[in-house]
């Protein structure tokens, strides 16, 4: 049986960068915060993102978490 062991997490803020002048499609910029504790809960990351968001030049559009895991034999 294989097991997955999470070894890295990243908090990613997706920021609204307006709209493309030609197409009108929305544009986004991202800000990554690496080395987030892998044990951090969604509520904790949500609170952190909303504390950091006012410090950014662009408004917050979305919050993402990116996890990396290693899969191996148990």
PDB file of N, CA and C in Angstrom:
ATOM      1  N   UNK A   1       0.844  -1.180   0.000  1.00  0.00           N
ATOM      2  CA  UNK A   1       0.000   0.000   0.000  1.00  0.00           C
ATOM      3  C   UNK A   1       0.889   1.242   0.000  1.00  0.00           C
ATOM      4  N   UNK A   2       0.545   2.186  -0.815  1.00  0.00           N
ATOM      5  CA  UNK A   2       1.313   3.430  -0.915  1.00  0.00           C
ATOM      6  C   UNK A   2       0.727   4.491   0.016  1.00  0.00           C
ATOM      7  N   UNK A   3       1.591   5.366   0.478  1.00  0.00           N
ATOM      8  CA  UNK A   3       1.171   6.490   1.317  1.00  0.00           C
ATOM      9  C   UNK A   3       1.729   7.781   0.717  1.00  0.00           C
ATOM     10  N   UNK A   4       1.004   8.869   0.939  1.00  0.00           N
ATOM     11  CA  UNK A   4       1.445  10.187   0.482  1.00  0.00           C
ATOM     12  C   UNK A   4       1.830  11.013   1.703  1.00  0.00           C
ATOM     13  N   UNK A   5       3.015  11.563   1.674  1.00  0.00           N
ATOM     14  CA  UNK A   5       3.492  12.408   2.771  1.00  0.00           C
ATOM     15  C   UNK A   5       3.691  13.822   2.237  1.00  0.00           C
ATOM     16  N   UNK A   6       2.877  14.759   2.773  1.00  0.00           N
ATOM     17  CA  UNK A   6       2.959  16.141   2.357  1.00  0.00           C
ATOM     18  C   UNK A   6       4.254  16.754   2.886  1.00  0.00           C
ATOM     19  N   UNK A   7       5.041  17.374   2.008  1.00  0.00           N
ATOM     20  CA  UNK A   7       6.312  17.953   2.454  1.00  0.00           C
ATOM     21  C   UNK A   7       6.426  19.448   2.189  1.00  0.00           C
ATOM     22  N   UNK A   8       5.491  20.041   1.451  1.00  0.00           N
ATOM     23  CA  UNK A   8       5.574  21.466   1.169  1.00  0.00           C
ATOM     24  C   UNK A   8       4.191  22.020   0.868  1.00  0.00           C
ATOM     25  N   UNK A   9       3.925  23.234   1.332  1.00  0.00           N
ATOM     26  CA  UNK A   9       2.672  23.929   1.033  1.00  0.00           C
ATOM     27  C   UNK A   9       2.991  25.366   0.664  1.00  0.00           C
ATOM     28  N   UNK A  10       2.204  25.894  -0.255  1.00  0.00           N
ATOM     29  CA  UNK A  10       2.347  27.277  -0.686  1.00  0.00           C
ATOM     30  C   UNK A  10       0.988  27.952  -0.635  1.00  0.00           C
ATOM     31  N   UNK A  11       0.955  29.155  -0.066  1.00  0.00           N
ATOM     32  CA  UNK A  11      -0.245  29.983  -0.077  1.00  0.00           C
ATOM     33  C   UNK A  11      -0.128  30.913  -1.271  1.00  0.00           C
ATOM     34  N   UNK A  12      -1.149  30.931  -2.109  1.00  0.00           N
ATOM     35  CA  UNK A  12      -1.110  31.745  -3.326  1.00  0.00           C
ATOM     36  C   UNK A  12      -2.296  32.703  -3.328  1.00  0.00           C
ATOM     37  N   UNK A  13      -1.999  33.998  -3.409  1.00  0.00           N
ATOM     38  CA  UNK A  13      -3.039  35.009  -3.537  1.00  0.00           C
ATOM     39  C   UNK A  13      -3.178  35.355  -5.018  1.00  0.00           C
ATOM     40  N   UNK A  14      -4.385  35.291  -5.522  1.00  0.00           N
ATOM     41  CA  UNK A  14      -4.668  35.693  -6.894  1.00  0.00           C
ATOM     42  C   UNK A  14      -5.286  37.088  -6.804  1.00  0.00           C
ATOM     43  N   UNK A  15      -4.631  38.041  -7.471  1.00  0.00           N
ATOM     44  CA  UNK A  15      -5.032  39.440  -7.375  1.00  0.00           C
ATOM     45  C   UNK A  15      -5.611  39.929  -8.696  1.00  0.00           C
ATOM     46  N   UNK A  16      -6.658  40.736  -8.613  1.00  0.00           N
ATOM     47  CA  UNK A  16      -7.321  41.297  -9.791  1.00  0.00           C
ATOM     48  C   UNK A  16      -6.450  42.400 -10.381  1.00  0.00           C
ATOM     49  N   UNK A  17      -6.076  42.245 -11.658  1.00  0.00           N
ATOM     50  CA  UNK A  17      -5.219  43.229 -12.327  1.00  0.00           C
ATOM     51  C   UNK A  17      -5.967  43.961 -13.440  1.00  0.00           C
ATOM     52  N   UNK A  18      -7.292  44.021 -13.330  1.00  0.00           N
ATOM     53  CA  UNK A  18      -8.079  44.738 -14.328  1.00  0.00           C
ATOM     54  C   UNK A  18      -8.468  43.860 -15.495  1.00  0.00           C
ATOM     55  N   UNK A  19      -8.657  44.509 -16.644  1.00  0.00           N
ATOM     56  CA  UNK A  19      -9.081  43.787 -17.843  1.00  0.00           C
ATOM     57  C   UNK A  19      -8.160  44.129 -19.006  1.00  0.00           C
ATOM     58  N   UNK A  20      -8.015  43.166 -19.906  1.00  0.00           N
ATOM     59  CA  UNK A  20      -7.229  43.380 -21.114  1.00  0.00           C
ATOM     60  C   UNK A  20      -7.913  44.446 -21.972  1.00  0.00           C
ATOM     61  N   UNK A  21      -7.153  45.413 -22.438  1.00  0.00           N
ATOM     62  CA  UNK A  21      -7.700  46.530 -23.198  1.00  0.00           C
ATOM     63  C   UNK A  21      -8.347  46.063 -24.502  1.00  0.00           C
ATOM     64  N   UNK A  22      -7.746  45.090 -25.157  1.00  0.00           N
ATOM     65  CA  UNK A  22      -8.260  44.646 -26.454  1.00  0.00           C
ATOM     66  C   UNK A  22      -9.414  43.662 -26.349  1.00  0.00           C
ATOM     67  N   UNK A  23      -9.284  42.673 -25.462  1.00  0.00           N
ATOM     68  CA  UNK A  23     -10.287  41.609 -25.394  1.00  0.00           C
ATOM     69  C   UNK A  23     -11.317  41.789 -24.286  1.00  0.00           C
ATOM     70  N   UNK A  24     -10.974  42.577 -23.278  1.00  0.00           N
ATOM     71  CA  UNK A  24     -11.879  42.749 -22.138  1.00  0.00           C
ATOM     72  C   UNK A  24     -11.828  41.614 -21.140  1.00  0.00           C
ATOM     73  N   UNK A  25     -10.975  40.613 -21.401  1.00  0.00           N
ATOM     74  CA  UNK A  25     -10.858  39.474 -20.475  1.00  0.00           C
ATOM     75  C   UNK A  25     -10.133  39.918 -19.209  1.00  0.00           C
ATOM     76  N   UNK A  26     -10.522  39.343 -18.065  1.00  0.00           N
ATOM     77  CA  UNK A  26      -9.864  39.725 -16.811  1.00  0.00           C
ATOM     78  C   UNK A  26      -8.396  39.286 -16.778  1.00  0.00           C
ATOM     79  N   UNK A  27      -7.584  40.088 -16.122  1.00  0.00           N
ATOM     80  CA  UNK A  27      -6.168  39.782 -15.925  1.00  0.00           C
ATOM     81  C   UNK A  27      -5.918  39.580 -14.435  1.00  0.00           C
ATOM     82  N   UNK A  28      -5.006  38.664 -14.131  1.00  0.00           N
ATOM     83  CA  UNK A  28      -4.702  38.355 -12.739  1.00  0.00           C
ATOM     84  C   UNK A  28      -3.191  38.326 -12.525  1.00  0.00           C
ATOM     85  N   UNK A  29      -2.776  38.717 -11.338  1.00  0.00           N
ATOM     86  CA  UNK A  29      -1.397  38.582 -10.889  1.00  0.00           C
ATOM     87  C   UNK A  29      -1.436  37.665  -9.676  1.00  0.00           C
ATOM     88  N   UNK A  30      -0.353  36.952  -9.434  1.00  0.00           N
ATOM     89  CA  UNK A  30      -0.305  36.076  -8.267  1.00  0.00           C
ATOM     90  C   UNK A  30       0.852  36.453  -7.358  1.00  0.00           C
ATOM     91  N   UNK A  31       0.658  36.202  -6.085  1.00  0.00           N
ATOM     92  CA  UNK A  31       1.696  36.404  -5.072  1.00  0.00           C
ATOM     93  C   UNK A  31       1.768  35.110  -4.272  1.00  0.00           C
ATOM     94  N   UNK A  32       2.943  34.466  -4.286  1.00  0.00           N
ATOM     95  CA  UNK A  32       3.127  33.189  -3.596  1.00  0.00           C
ATOM     96  C   UNK A  32       3.880  33.372  -2.288  1.00  0.00           C
ATOM     97  N   UNK A  33       3.433  32.658  -1.284  1.00  0.00           N
ATOM     98  CA  UNK A  33       4.107  32.607   0.012  1.00  0.00           C
ATOM     99  C   UNK A  33       4.493  31.149   0.239  1.00  0.00           C
ATOM    100  N   UNK A  34       5.777  30.859   0.077  1.00  0.00           N
ATOM    101  CA  UNK A  34       6.288  29.496   0.174  1.00  0.00           C
ATOM    102  C   UNK A  34       6.545  29.096   1.619  1.00  0.00           C
ATOM    103  N   UNK A  35       6.769  27.816   1.812  1.00  0.00           N
ATOM    104  CA  UNK A  35       7.108  27.245   3.117  1.00  0.00           C
ATOM    105  C   UNK A  35       6.034  27.468   4.174  1.00  0.00           C
ATOM    106  N   UNK A  36       4.776  27.386   3.745  1.00  0.00           N
ATOM    107  CA  UNK A  36       3.665  27.417   4.681  1.00  0.00           C
ATOM    108  C   UNK A  36       3.662  26.085   5.421  1.00  0.00           C
ATOM    109  N   UNK A  37       3.348  26.100   6.697  1.00  0.00           N
ATOM    110  CA  UNK A  37       3.297  24.848   7.454  1.00  0.00           C
ATOM    111  C   UNK A  37       2.277  23.905   6.823  1.00  0.00           C
ATOM    112  N   UNK A  38       2.692  22.684   6.610  1.00  0.00           N
ATOM    113  CA  UNK A  38       1.807  21.711   5.972  1.00  0.00           C
ATOM    114  C   UNK A  38       0.605  21.371   6.852  1.00  0.00           C
ATOM    115  N   UNK A  39       0.701  21.609   8.149  1.00  0.00           N
ATOM    116  CA  UNK A  39      -0.397  21.327   9.061  1.00  0.00           C
ATOM    117  C   UNK A  39      -1.395  22.484   9.160  1.00  0.00           C
ATOM    118  N   UNK A  40      -1.132  23.601   8.478  1.00  0.00           N
ATOM    119  CA  UNK A  40      -2.035  24.749   8.546  1.00  0.00           C
ATOM    120  C   UNK A  40      -3.403  24.378   7.976  1.00  0.00           C
ATOM    121  N   UNK A  41      -4.457  24.818   8.651  1.00  0.00           N
ATOM    122  CA  UNK A  41      -5.818  24.520   8.202  1.00  0.00           C
ATOM    123  C   UNK A  41      -6.278  25.557   7.179  1.00  0.00           C
ATOM    124  N   UNK A  42      -7.358  25.241   6.492  1.00  0.00           N
ATOM    125  CA  UNK A  42      -7.929  26.168   5.517  1.00  0.00           C
ATOM    126  C   UNK A  42      -8.363  27.464   6.209  1.00  0.00           C
ATOM    127  N   UNK A  43      -8.930  27.363   7.410  1.00  0.00           N
ATOM    128  CA  UNK A  43      -9.344  28.561   8.155  1.00  0.00           C
ATOM    129  C   UNK A  43      -8.148  29.452   8.481  1.00  0.00           C
ATOM    130  N   UNK A  44      -7.041  28.850   8.871  1.00  0.00           N
ATOM    131  CA  UNK A  44      -5.843  29.621   9.197  1.00  0.00           C
ATOM    132  C   UNK A  44      -5.297  30.330   7.959  1.00  0.00           C
ATOM    133  N   UNK A  45      -5.226  29.635   6.840  1.00  0.00           N
ATOM    134  CA  UNK A  45      -4.726  30.246   5.613  1.00  0.00           C
ATOM    135  C   UNK A  45      -5.662  31.334   5.113  1.00  0.00           C
ATOM    136  N   UNK A  46      -6.949  31.137   5.272  1.00  0.00           N
ATOM    137  CA  UNK A  46      -7.940  32.155   4.901  1.00  0.00           C
ATOM    138  C   UNK A  46      -7.726  33.426   5.714  1.00  0.00           C
ATOM    139  N   UNK A  47      -7.539  33.267   7.016  1.00  0.00           N
ATOM    140  CA  UNK A  47      -7.320  34.422   7.892  1.00  0.00           C
ATOM    141  C   UNK A  47      -6.027  35.153   7.533  1.00  0.00           C
ATOM    142  N   UNK A  48      -4.976  34.402   7.252  1.00  0.00           N
ATOM    143  CA  UNK A  48      -3.697  35.002   6.872  1.00  0.00           C
ATOM    144  C   UNK A  48      -3.840  35.753   5.554  1.00  0.00           C
ATOM    145  N   UNK A  49      -4.506  35.151   4.588  1.00  0.00           N
ATOM    146  CA  UNK A  49      -4.683  35.792   3.283  1.00  0.00           C
ATOM    147  C   UNK A  49      -5.436  37.108   3.412  1.00  0.00           C
ATOM    148  N   UNK A  50      -6.466  37.131   4.243  1.00  0.00           N
ATOM    149  CA  UNK A  50      -7.230  38.363   4.425  1.00  0.00           C
ATOM    150  C   UNK A  50      -6.478  39.396   5.257  1.00  0.00           C
ATOM    151  N   UNK A  51      -5.508  38.972   6.035  1.00  0.00           N
ATOM    152  CA  UNK A  51      -4.665  39.928   6.761  1.00  0.00           C
ATOM    153  C   UNK A  51      -3.617  40.537   5.833  1.00  0.00           C
ATOM    154  N   UNK A  52      -3.135  39.753   4.872  1.00  0.00           N
ATOM    155  CA  UNK A  52      -2.100  40.208   3.940  1.00  0.00           C
ATOM    156  C   UNK A  52      -2.697  41.007   2.784  1.00  0.00           C
ATOM    157  N   UNK A  53      -3.908  40.697   2.379  1.00  0.00           N
ATOM    158  CA  UNK A  53      -4.529  41.290   1.186  1.00  0.00           C
ATOM    159  C   UNK A  53      -4.523  42.821   1.185  1.00  0.00           C
ATOM    160  N   UNK A  54      -4.830  43.489   2.291  1.00  0.00           N
ATOM    161  CA  UNK A  54      -4.822  44.954   2.257  1.00  0.00           C
ATOM    162  C   UNK A  54      -3.430  45.563   2.005  1.00  0.00           C
ATOM    163  N   UNK A  55      -2.382  44.784   2.186  1.00  0.00           N
ATOM    164  CA  UNK A  55      -1.025  45.270   1.962  1.00  0.00           C
ATOM    165  C   UNK A  55      -0.632  45.206   0.482  1.00  0.00           C
ATOM    166  N   UNK A  56      -1.463  44.573  -0.334  1.00  0.00           N
ATOM    167  CA  UNK A  56      -1.179  44.430  -1.761  1.00  0.00           C
ATOM    168  C   UNK A  56      -1.725  45.634  -2.519  1.00  0.00           C
ATOM    169  N   UNK A  57      -1.161  45.904  -3.687  1.00  0.00           N
ATOM    170  CA  UNK A  57      -1.610  47.019  -4.518  1.00  0.00           C
ATOM    171  C   UNK A  57      -2.907  46.712  -5.251  1.00  0.00           C
ATOM    172  N   UNK A  58      -3.190  45.437  -5.470  1.00  0.00           N
ATOM    173  CA  UNK A  58      -4.370  45.023  -6.228  1.00  0.00           C
ATOM    174  C   UNK A  58      -5.365  44.329  -5.292  1.00  0.00           C
ATOM    175  N   UNK A  59      -6.660  44.362  -5.651  1.00  0.00           N
ATOM    176  CA  UNK A  59      -7.655  43.686  -4.801  1.00  0.00           C
ATOM    177  C   UNK A  59      -7.549  42.161  -4.905  1.00  0.00           C
ATOM    178  N   UNK A  60      -7.885  41.505  -3.817  1.00  0.00           N
ATOM    179  CA  UNK A  60      -7.843  40.045  -3.739  1.00  0.00           C
ATOM    180  C   UNK A  60      -8.989  39.449  -4.554  1.00  0.00           C
ATOM    181  N   UNK A  61      -8.654  38.489  -5.417  1.00  0.00           N
ATOM    182  CA  UNK A  61      -9.653  37.806  -6.232  1.00  0.00           C
ATOM    183  C   UNK A  61      -9.920  36.391  -5.718  1.00  0.00           C
ATOM    184  N   UNK A  62      -8.837  35.673  -5.349  1.00  0.00           N
ATOM    185  CA  UNK A  62      -8.982  34.281  -4.937  1.00  0.00           C
ATOM    186  C   UNK A  62      -7.816  33.880  -4.034  1.00  0.00           C
ATOM    187  N   UNK A  63      -8.033  32.835  -3.247  1.00  0.00           N
ATOM    188  CA  UNK A  63      -7.008  32.275  -2.367  1.00  0.00           C
ATOM    189  C   UNK A  63      -6.823  30.816  -2.748  1.00  0.00           C
ATOM    190  N   UNK A  64      -5.567  30.405  -2.953  1.00  0.00           N
ATOM    191  CA  UNK A  64      -5.284  29.023  -3.321  1.00  0.00           C
ATOM    192  C   UNK A  64      -4.207  28.441  -2.414  1.00  0.00           C
ATOM    193  N   UNK A  65      -4.277  27.151  -2.254  1.00  0.00           N
ATOM    194  CA  UNK A  65      -3.242  26.415  -1.528  1.00  0.00           C
ATOM    195  C   UNK A  65      -2.675  25.371  -2.474  1.00  0.00           C
ATOM    196  N   UNK A  66      -1.369  25.318  -2.561  1.00  0.00           N
ATOM    197  CA  UNK A  66      -0.684  24.338  -3.408  1.00  0.00           C
ATOM    198  C   UNK A  66       0.144  23.440  -2.505  1.00  0.00           C
ATOM    199  N   UNK A  67      -0.151  22.145  -2.527  1.00  0.00           N
ATOM    200  CA  UNK A  67       0.557  21.177  -1.701  1.00  0.00           C
ATOM    201  C   UNK A  67       1.401  20.267  -2.593  1.00  0.00           C
ATOM    202  N   UNK A  68       2.555  19.875  -2.076  1.00  0.00           N
ATOM    203  CA  UNK A  68       3.402  18.889  -2.741  1.00  0.00           C
ATOM    204  C   UNK A  68       3.546  17.698  -1.807  1.00  0.00           C
ATOM    205  N   UNK A  69       3.404  16.504  -2.382  1.00  0.00           N
ATOM    206  CA  UNK A  69       3.496  15.281  -1.603  1.00  0.00           C
ATOM    207  C   UNK A  69       4.456  14.308  -2.266  1.00  0.00           C
ATOM    208  N   UNK A  70       5.024  13.471  -1.428  1.00  0.00           N
ATOM    209  CA  UNK A  70       5.867  12.386  -1.906  1.00  0.00           C
ATOM    210  C   UNK A  70       5.099  11.097  -1.681  1.00  0.00           C
ATOM    211  N   UNK A  71       5.011  10.277  -2.712  1.00  0.00           N
ATOM    212  CA  UNK A  71       4.285   9.014  -2.617  1.00  0.00           C
ATOM    213  C   UNK A  71       5.289   7.879  -2.605  1.00  0.00           C
ATOM    214  N   UNK A  72       5.124   6.989  -1.614  1.00  0.00           N
ATOM    215  CA  UNK A  72       6.057   5.859  -1.494  1.00  0.00           C
ATOM    216  C   UNK A  72       5.384   4.674  -0.830  1.00  0.00           C
ATOM    217  N   UNK A  73       6.111   3.563  -0.743  1.00  0.00           N
ATOM    218  CA  UNK A  73       5.600   2.372  -0.064  1.00  0.00           C
ATOM    219  C   UNK A  73       5.420   2.636   1.416  1.00  0.00           C
ATOM    220  N   UNK A  74       4.434   1.985   1.966  1.00  0.00           N
ATOM    221  CA  UNK A  74       4.155   2.122   3.395  1.00  0.00           C
ATOM    222  C   UNK A  74       5.123   1.312   4.218  1.00  0.00           C
TER     223      UNK A  74
END
